[in-house]
Protein backbone atom coordinates (compact mmCIF):
# COMPACT_ATOMS: atom_id res chain seq x y z
CA MET A 1 -31.55 -32.14 9.40
CA SER A 2 -30.79 -31.04 12.95
CA ALA A 3 -27.29 -31.38 14.36
CA SER A 4 -26.36 -34.63 16.10
CA ILE A 5 -23.84 -32.92 18.42
CA HIS A 6 -24.25 -30.20 21.02
CA PRO A 7 -20.88 -28.86 22.22
CA PRO A 8 -20.87 -26.81 25.42
CA VAL A 9 -21.28 -23.13 24.57
CA GLN A 10 -21.87 -19.83 26.33
CA LEU A 11 -23.15 -16.66 24.70
CA HIS A 12 -21.71 -13.29 25.72
CA ILE A 13 -23.44 -10.14 24.48
CA VAL A 14 -21.52 -6.86 24.69
CA LEU A 15 -23.63 -3.71 24.20
CA ASP A 16 -22.71 -0.07 23.78
CA GLU A 17 -23.85 2.46 26.38
CA ASP A 18 -27.08 3.46 24.61
CA SER A 19 -28.16 -0.11 23.87
CA TYR A 20 -27.37 -1.30 27.38
CA GLN A 21 -29.28 1.55 29.03
CA GLY A 22 -32.16 1.26 26.57
CA GLY A 23 -33.23 -2.25 27.54
CA ASP A 24 -33.50 -4.74 30.37
CA SER A 25 -30.20 -6.66 30.26
CA VAL A 26 -31.41 -9.34 32.66
CA GLU A 27 -34.55 -10.00 30.64
CA MET A 28 -32.54 -9.94 27.42
CA ALA A 29 -30.14 -12.56 28.80
CA ARG A 30 -33.09 -14.73 29.81
CA ARG A 31 -34.55 -14.62 26.30
CA PHE A 32 -31.26 -15.65 24.68
CA THR A 33 -30.87 -18.69 26.94
CA ALA A 34 -32.92 -20.49 24.29
CA VAL A 35 -29.60 -20.63 22.41
CA ALA A 36 -27.13 -20.96 25.29
CA PRO A 37 -26.49 -19.66 28.81
CA THR A 38 -26.18 -15.92 28.18
CA GLU A 39 -24.47 -12.96 29.80
CA VAL A 40 -25.26 -9.38 28.76
CA VAL A 41 -22.68 -6.75 29.69
CA ARG A 42 -21.95 -3.13 28.93
CA ALA A 43 -18.85 -2.38 26.85
CA ALA A 44 -15.97 -0.87 28.78
CA LYS A 45 -15.62 2.88 28.37
CA GLY A 46 -13.59 3.63 25.25
CA SER A 47 -13.66 0.00 24.13
CA GLN A 48 -13.65 -0.75 20.41
CA ARG A 49 -15.72 -3.86 21.03
CA ALA A 50 -19.44 -3.21 21.35
CA ASN A 51 -22.71 -4.64 19.98
CA VAL A 52 -21.03 -8.00 19.59
CA LEU A 53 -22.31 -11.57 19.95
CA ARG A 54 -19.63 -13.92 21.28
CA PHE A 55 -20.00 -17.73 21.20
CA ASP A 56 -17.49 -19.29 23.61
CA LEU A 57 -17.06 -23.02 23.14
CA GLY A 58 -15.33 -25.36 25.56
CA ASP A 59 -11.84 -26.83 25.56
CA ASP A 60 -10.62 -26.84 21.97
CA THR A 61 -8.30 -29.81 22.54
CA VAL A 62 -11.12 -32.32 22.30
CA ILE A 63 -12.72 -30.54 19.35
CA ALA A 64 -9.40 -30.23 17.51
CA GLU A 65 -8.78 -33.96 17.79
CA ALA A 66 -12.31 -34.70 16.64
CA ASP A 67 -11.78 -32.45 13.61
CA ASP A 68 -9.83 -35.31 12.03
CA ASP A 69 -13.17 -37.06 11.62
CA PRO A 70 -15.10 -35.76 8.55
CA LEU A 71 -18.41 -36.72 10.14
CA TRP A 72 -17.58 -34.60 13.18
CA ARG A 73 -16.61 -31.62 11.02
CA ASP A 74 -19.89 -31.80 9.11
CA ALA A 75 -21.90 -32.18 12.31
CA LEU A 76 -20.13 -29.20 13.88
CA ALA A 77 -20.88 -27.03 10.84
CA THR A 78 -24.54 -28.06 10.95
CA TRP A 79 -24.76 -27.29 14.65
CA LEU A 80 -23.13 -23.85 14.23
CA ASP A 81 -25.50 -23.06 11.37
CA GLU A 82 -28.48 -23.84 13.60
CA GLU A 83 -27.05 -21.77 16.47
CA PHE A 84 -26.46 -18.78 14.22
CA ALA A 85 -29.91 -18.94 12.63
CA GLU A 86 -31.66 -19.18 16.01
CA THR A 87 -29.56 -16.32 17.42
CA SER A 88 -30.36 -14.08 14.44
CA ALA A 89 -34.07 -14.77 14.94
CA LEU A 90 -33.77 -13.83 18.63
CA VAL A 91 -31.94 -10.61 17.73
CA ALA A 92 -34.74 -9.68 15.33
CA ARG A 93 -37.38 -10.30 18.01
CA GLU A 94 -35.36 -8.33 20.56
CA ASN A 95 -35.10 -5.33 18.26
CA ASP A 96 -38.78 -5.52 17.31
CA ALA A 97 -39.71 -5.49 21.01
CA ARG A 98 -37.45 -2.50 21.66
CA GLN A 99 -38.94 -0.54 18.78
CA ASN A 100 -42.48 -1.34 19.94
CA ASN A 101 -41.53 0.06 23.35
CA GLY A 102 -40.14 3.22 21.79
CA GLU A 103 -36.55 2.16 22.47
CA GLN A 104 -33.55 2.11 20.18
CA SER A 105 -32.77 -1.21 18.52
CA VAL A 106 -29.34 -2.78 18.97
CA PRO A 107 -27.13 -2.36 15.85
CA PHE A 108 -25.22 -5.63 16.12
CA THR A 109 -22.11 -5.64 13.93
CA TRP A 110 -19.97 -8.71 14.63
CA ALA A 111 -20.54 -12.33 15.62
CA GLU A 112 -17.51 -13.94 17.26
CA VAL A 113 -16.71 -17.61 17.76
CA LYS A 114 -13.93 -18.82 20.06
CA PHE A 115 -12.91 -22.43 20.53
CA GLY A 116 -11.12 -22.83 23.86
CA ALA A 117 -7.80 -20.98 23.83
CA GLY A 118 -7.86 -20.56 20.06
CA PRO A 119 -8.16 -17.24 18.22
CA VAL A 120 -11.41 -15.31 17.94
CA ILE A 121 -13.13 -15.80 14.58
CA ALA A 122 -15.26 -12.70 13.91
CA ILE A 123 -17.84 -12.49 11.12
CA ARG A 124 -19.40 -9.20 10.00
CA MET A 125 -23.15 -9.20 10.47
CA LYS A 126 -25.56 -7.52 8.05
CA ASP A 127 -28.61 -5.69 9.38
CA SER A 128 -27.93 -7.24 12.81
CA SER A 129 -28.16 -10.73 11.31
CA ILE A 130 -25.47 -13.40 11.12
CA PRO A 131 -24.96 -14.26 7.43
CA PRO A 132 -26.09 -17.74 6.31
CA GLU A 133 -22.53 -18.53 5.18
CA ALA A 134 -21.04 -17.88 8.65
CA ALA A 135 -20.77 -21.53 9.69
CA GLY A 136 -18.87 -22.26 6.48
CA PHE A 137 -16.48 -19.37 7.18
CA VAL A 138 -15.76 -20.75 10.65
CA ALA A 139 -15.13 -24.22 9.23
CA ARG A 140 -12.77 -22.78 6.61
CA ALA A 141 -10.88 -20.76 9.23
CA ARG A 142 -10.41 -23.85 11.41
CA GLN A 143 -9.23 -25.83 8.39
CA LEU A 144 -6.63 -23.16 7.55
CA LEU A 145 -5.54 -22.96 11.19
CA ALA A 146 -5.07 -26.71 11.38
CA GLY A 147 -3.03 -26.67 8.18
CA GLY A 148 -0.73 -23.91 9.40
CA ALA A 149 -1.74 -21.57 6.58
CA PHE A 150 -1.36 -18.50 8.80
CA GLY A 151 2.16 -19.35 9.94
CA ALA A 152 3.62 -20.44 13.26
CA ASP A 153 3.09 -17.17 15.17
CA ALA A 154 0.30 -16.95 17.74
CA ILE A 155 -2.94 -15.57 16.30
CA ALA A 156 -5.26 -13.32 18.27
CA ALA A 157 -8.17 -12.92 15.85
CA ILE A 158 -9.41 -13.60 12.34
CA ARG A 159 -11.80 -10.95 11.02
CA ILE A 160 -14.11 -11.98 8.15
CA PRO A 161 -13.95 -9.96 5.98
CA ALA A 162 -11.06 -7.58 6.61
CA CYS A 163 -12.10 -4.04 7.47
CA ALA A 164 -10.04 -2.72 4.55
CA SER A 165 -12.09 -4.98 2.27
CA ILE A 166 -15.35 -3.63 3.71
CA GLU A 167 -14.19 -0.03 3.22
CA ALA A 168 -13.19 -0.72 -0.39
CA GLN A 169 -16.56 -2.34 -1.11
CA VAL A 170 -18.43 0.58 0.44
CA ALA A 171 -16.41 2.98 -1.74
CA ASP A 172 -17.22 0.90 -4.83
CA ALA A 173 -20.93 0.95 -3.95
CA HIS A 174 -20.87 4.75 -3.57
CA ARG A 175 -19.08 5.09 -6.91
CA THR A 176 -21.62 2.86 -8.63
CA ASN A 177 -24.54 4.83 -7.16
CA TYR A 178 -22.95 8.09 -8.31
CA LEU A 179 -22.39 6.87 -11.88
CA GLU A 180 -25.95 5.50 -12.04
CA SER A 181 -27.31 8.89 -10.95
CA GLN A 182 -25.23 10.60 -13.64
CA LEU A 183 -26.55 8.22 -16.29
CA TYR A 184 -30.11 8.87 -15.12
CA GLU A 185 -29.62 12.64 -15.37
CA ALA A 186 -28.06 12.30 -18.81
CA ALA A 187 -31.00 10.20 -20.02
CA HIS A 188 -33.48 12.84 -18.84
CA ARG A 189 -31.45 15.87 -19.93
CA PRO A 190 -33.45 16.44 -23.19
CA GLU A 191 -36.53 17.24 -21.10
CA THR A 192 -34.56 19.82 -19.10
CA GLN A 193 -33.09 21.30 -22.28
CA GLU A 194 -36.57 21.70 -23.76
CA VAL A 195 -37.68 23.72 -20.72
CA ASP A 196 -34.54 25.89 -20.98
CA ARG A 197 -35.15 26.48 -24.71
CA TYR A 198 -38.71 27.59 -24.06
CA SER A 199 -37.61 29.98 -21.32
CA GLU A 200 -35.05 31.60 -23.63
CA GLU A 201 -37.66 32.09 -26.32
CA VAL A 202 -39.88 33.85 -23.76
CA ASP A 203 -36.96 36.02 -22.67
CA LEU A 204 -36.15 37.08 -26.22
CA ALA A 205 -39.80 37.77 -27.00
CA THR A 206 -40.45 39.90 -23.90
CA GLY A 207 -37.01 41.42 -23.49
CA GLU A 208 -36.99 40.42 -19.84
CA GLY A 209 -37.05 37.41 -17.55
CA TRP A 210 -39.87 34.94 -16.96
CA THR A 211 -43.36 36.36 -16.65
CA ASP A 212 -45.04 36.17 -13.24
CA GLU A 213 -47.32 33.41 -14.49
CA LEU A 214 -44.45 31.21 -15.69
CA GLN A 215 -42.09 31.84 -12.81
CA GLY A 216 -44.60 31.74 -9.98
CA SER A 217 -43.08 34.83 -8.36
CA ARG A 218 -42.32 38.47 -9.11
CA SER A 219 -38.57 38.01 -9.60
CA LYS A 220 -37.19 39.01 -13.03
CA ARG A 221 -34.01 38.18 -14.84
CA ASP A 222 -31.85 40.97 -16.21
CA ALA A 223 -32.83 41.92 -19.77
CA PRO A 224 -30.26 41.21 -22.52
CA THR A 225 -28.13 44.10 -23.71
CA ASP A 226 -28.53 45.60 -27.17
CA SER A 227 -25.31 43.97 -28.34
CA GLU A 228 -26.47 40.58 -27.08
CA LEU A 229 -29.79 40.97 -28.90
CA ALA A 230 -28.00 42.01 -32.10
CA GLU A 231 -25.69 39.00 -31.86
CA ALA A 232 -28.62 36.65 -31.27
CA VAL A 233 -30.52 38.08 -34.26
CA ALA A 234 -27.44 37.72 -36.48
CA GLU A 235 -26.96 34.09 -35.44
CA ALA A 236 -30.63 33.36 -36.02
CA GLU A 237 -30.56 34.91 -39.51
CA ALA A 238 -27.45 32.90 -40.40
CA ALA A 239 -29.12 29.70 -39.23
CA LEU A 240 -32.26 30.45 -41.22
CA ARG A 241 -30.21 31.01 -44.38
CA GLN A 242 -28.83 27.50 -43.87
CA GLY A 243 -32.30 26.06 -43.33
CA VAL A 244 -31.71 25.31 -39.62
CA ASP A 245 -34.05 26.12 -36.74
CA PRO A 246 -32.19 28.72 -34.59
CA SER A 247 -33.58 27.22 -31.38
CA ASP A 248 -32.07 23.82 -32.27
CA VAL A 249 -28.62 25.40 -32.63
CA ALA A 250 -28.88 27.00 -29.19
CA ALA A 251 -30.03 23.75 -27.63
CA GLU A 252 -27.10 21.84 -29.14
CA GLU A 253 -24.63 24.41 -27.78
CA ARG A 254 -26.13 24.17 -24.30
CA ALA A 255 -26.06 20.36 -24.42
CA ALA A 256 -22.39 20.36 -25.43
CA ASP A 257 -21.50 22.75 -22.61
CA ALA A 258 -23.46 20.71 -20.07
CA GLU A 259 -21.91 17.41 -21.14
CA GLU A 260 -18.41 18.88 -20.95
CA GLY A 261 -19.08 20.13 -17.43
CA ASP A 262 -20.56 16.79 -16.36
CA ALA A 263 -17.57 14.92 -17.75
CA VAL A 264 -15.14 17.04 -15.77
CA ALA A 265 -17.19 16.62 -12.59
CA SER A 266 -17.49 12.87 -13.10
CA VAL A 267 -13.75 12.40 -13.60
CA LYS A 268 -12.94 14.46 -10.52
CA ASP A 269 -15.39 12.60 -8.31
CA VAL A 270 -14.31 9.15 -9.48
CA GLU A 271 -10.64 10.07 -9.09
CA ALA A 272 -11.33 11.20 -5.54
CA ASP A 273 -13.06 7.90 -4.79
CA ASP A 274 -10.15 5.96 -6.28
CA ARG A 275 -7.66 7.84 -4.13
CA GLY A 276 -9.71 7.00 -1.05
CA LYS A 277 -9.75 3.34 -2.05
CA ASP A 278 -5.99 3.20 -2.56
CA GLU A 279 -5.33 4.93 0.75
CA ALA A 280 -7.49 2.52 2.77
CA VAL A 281 -5.64 1.33 5.86
CA THR A 282 -4.96 -2.39 5.60
CA SER A 283 -3.08 -2.95 8.85
CA GLY A 284 -5.62 -1.55 11.28
CA GLU A 285 -9.07 -2.88 12.00
CA GLY A 286 -10.83 0.34 12.93
CA CYS A 287 -14.14 -0.75 11.42
CA ALA A 288 -14.55 -3.10 14.38
CA ILE A 289 -16.38 -0.20 16.03
CA ASP A 290 -18.21 0.91 12.89
CA GLY A 291 -21.94 0.30 13.11
CA GLY A 292 -22.59 1.69 9.63
CA SER A 293 -24.23 -0.22 6.85
CA VAL A 294 -22.35 -2.59 4.56
CA PRO A 295 -23.05 -3.44 0.91
CA GLU A 296 -26.01 -5.75 0.38
CA HIS A 297 -23.80 -8.28 -1.39
CA LEU A 298 -20.79 -8.15 0.92
CA ASP A 299 -17.81 -10.17 -0.32
CA TYR A 300 -16.29 -12.13 2.57
CA ARG A 301 -13.32 -13.53 0.65
CA VAL A 302 -10.49 -11.31 1.98
CA TRP A 303 -9.85 -11.73 5.71
CA ASN A 304 -7.67 -9.97 8.26
CA VAL A 305 -5.44 -12.18 10.41
CA ALA A 306 -4.28 -10.35 13.56
CA TYR A 307 -1.31 -11.83 15.40
CA ALA A 308 -0.65 -11.67 19.12
CA ASP A 309 2.34 -9.35 18.57
CA GLY A 310 0.07 -6.65 17.13
CA THR A 311 0.85 -7.22 13.45
CA SER A 312 -1.76 -8.25 10.91
CA VAL A 313 -2.04 -9.40 7.33
CA ARG A 314 -4.78 -9.61 4.73
CA PHE A 315 -5.52 -13.17 3.66
CA ASP A 316 -7.26 -14.59 0.59
CA SER A 317 -9.46 -17.33 2.06
CA VAL A 318 -10.03 -18.97 -1.33
CA LEU A 319 -6.40 -19.17 -2.43
CA GLY A 320 -5.26 -19.84 1.12
CA GLU A 321 -2.44 -17.32 1.02
CA ALA A 322 -1.52 -13.91 2.40
CA LEU A 323 -1.93 -10.81 0.23
CA LEU A 324 1.05 -8.48 -0.11
CA ASP A 325 0.22 -4.76 -0.10
């Protein structure tokens, strides 16, 4: 069902240098007027705010009073949802057109909503698209603001989710990918061990490295010394007396060595990732300028509330309370 209200809104698009130079800003603004009157500008030099969509609504006094009406709140959420969906579709068409013209697409990162003189509510986009839950996040933020959940101090911005939360989720995703790759290698290790066992048998039989036919080149490995050969023969004879295939014993020893090495490497890598997660900066919002990818299933629960005095706090949007570091 389409929204029954249409609050006054203006759309401001802020592009980085490359994106602004790469397209026709006037034509881009004209295309986005299907959503709202649009202005496309280039980000100020050195600015941390670029590739941003900003929805500026009118005087928040009227809207705030109307928020007491549940029907109004529902209608506003429906209207925002429609605006966001239409804007995301326009962004996709804009980037498709740029790519077809051999130009760089715009890596949009944040969608901002501002009601009158109220704080900016910024939602992290994924793949240059506003998430379907964005309208609900805005409604929740306005509900918390009205209830005084963030305190009495003036608020400059609410970032959804907090940059520290994004960084932690990216680190978790990298850790998961690493562990999955280790499990894959471990599952396929028997095949590698079989190749290694065969190569050793060839070495012992020829007294030298791989043959040209097996190796595919003329390089040779150093031949084993007499003492090494004698030791190998002694171990093989002992294994035969016990009814064990000598090649199986060698393969088991190699597997044990490899697993021990992998375990040490895995622990070191995971510990390094954990240290990075613990040291994530929670007060700053440096990822506002980060155009990198985010996890596919980004968790928007933990927000960053930035106050006008420059301080900030992480906030659990479900519990409705600040998080202490």
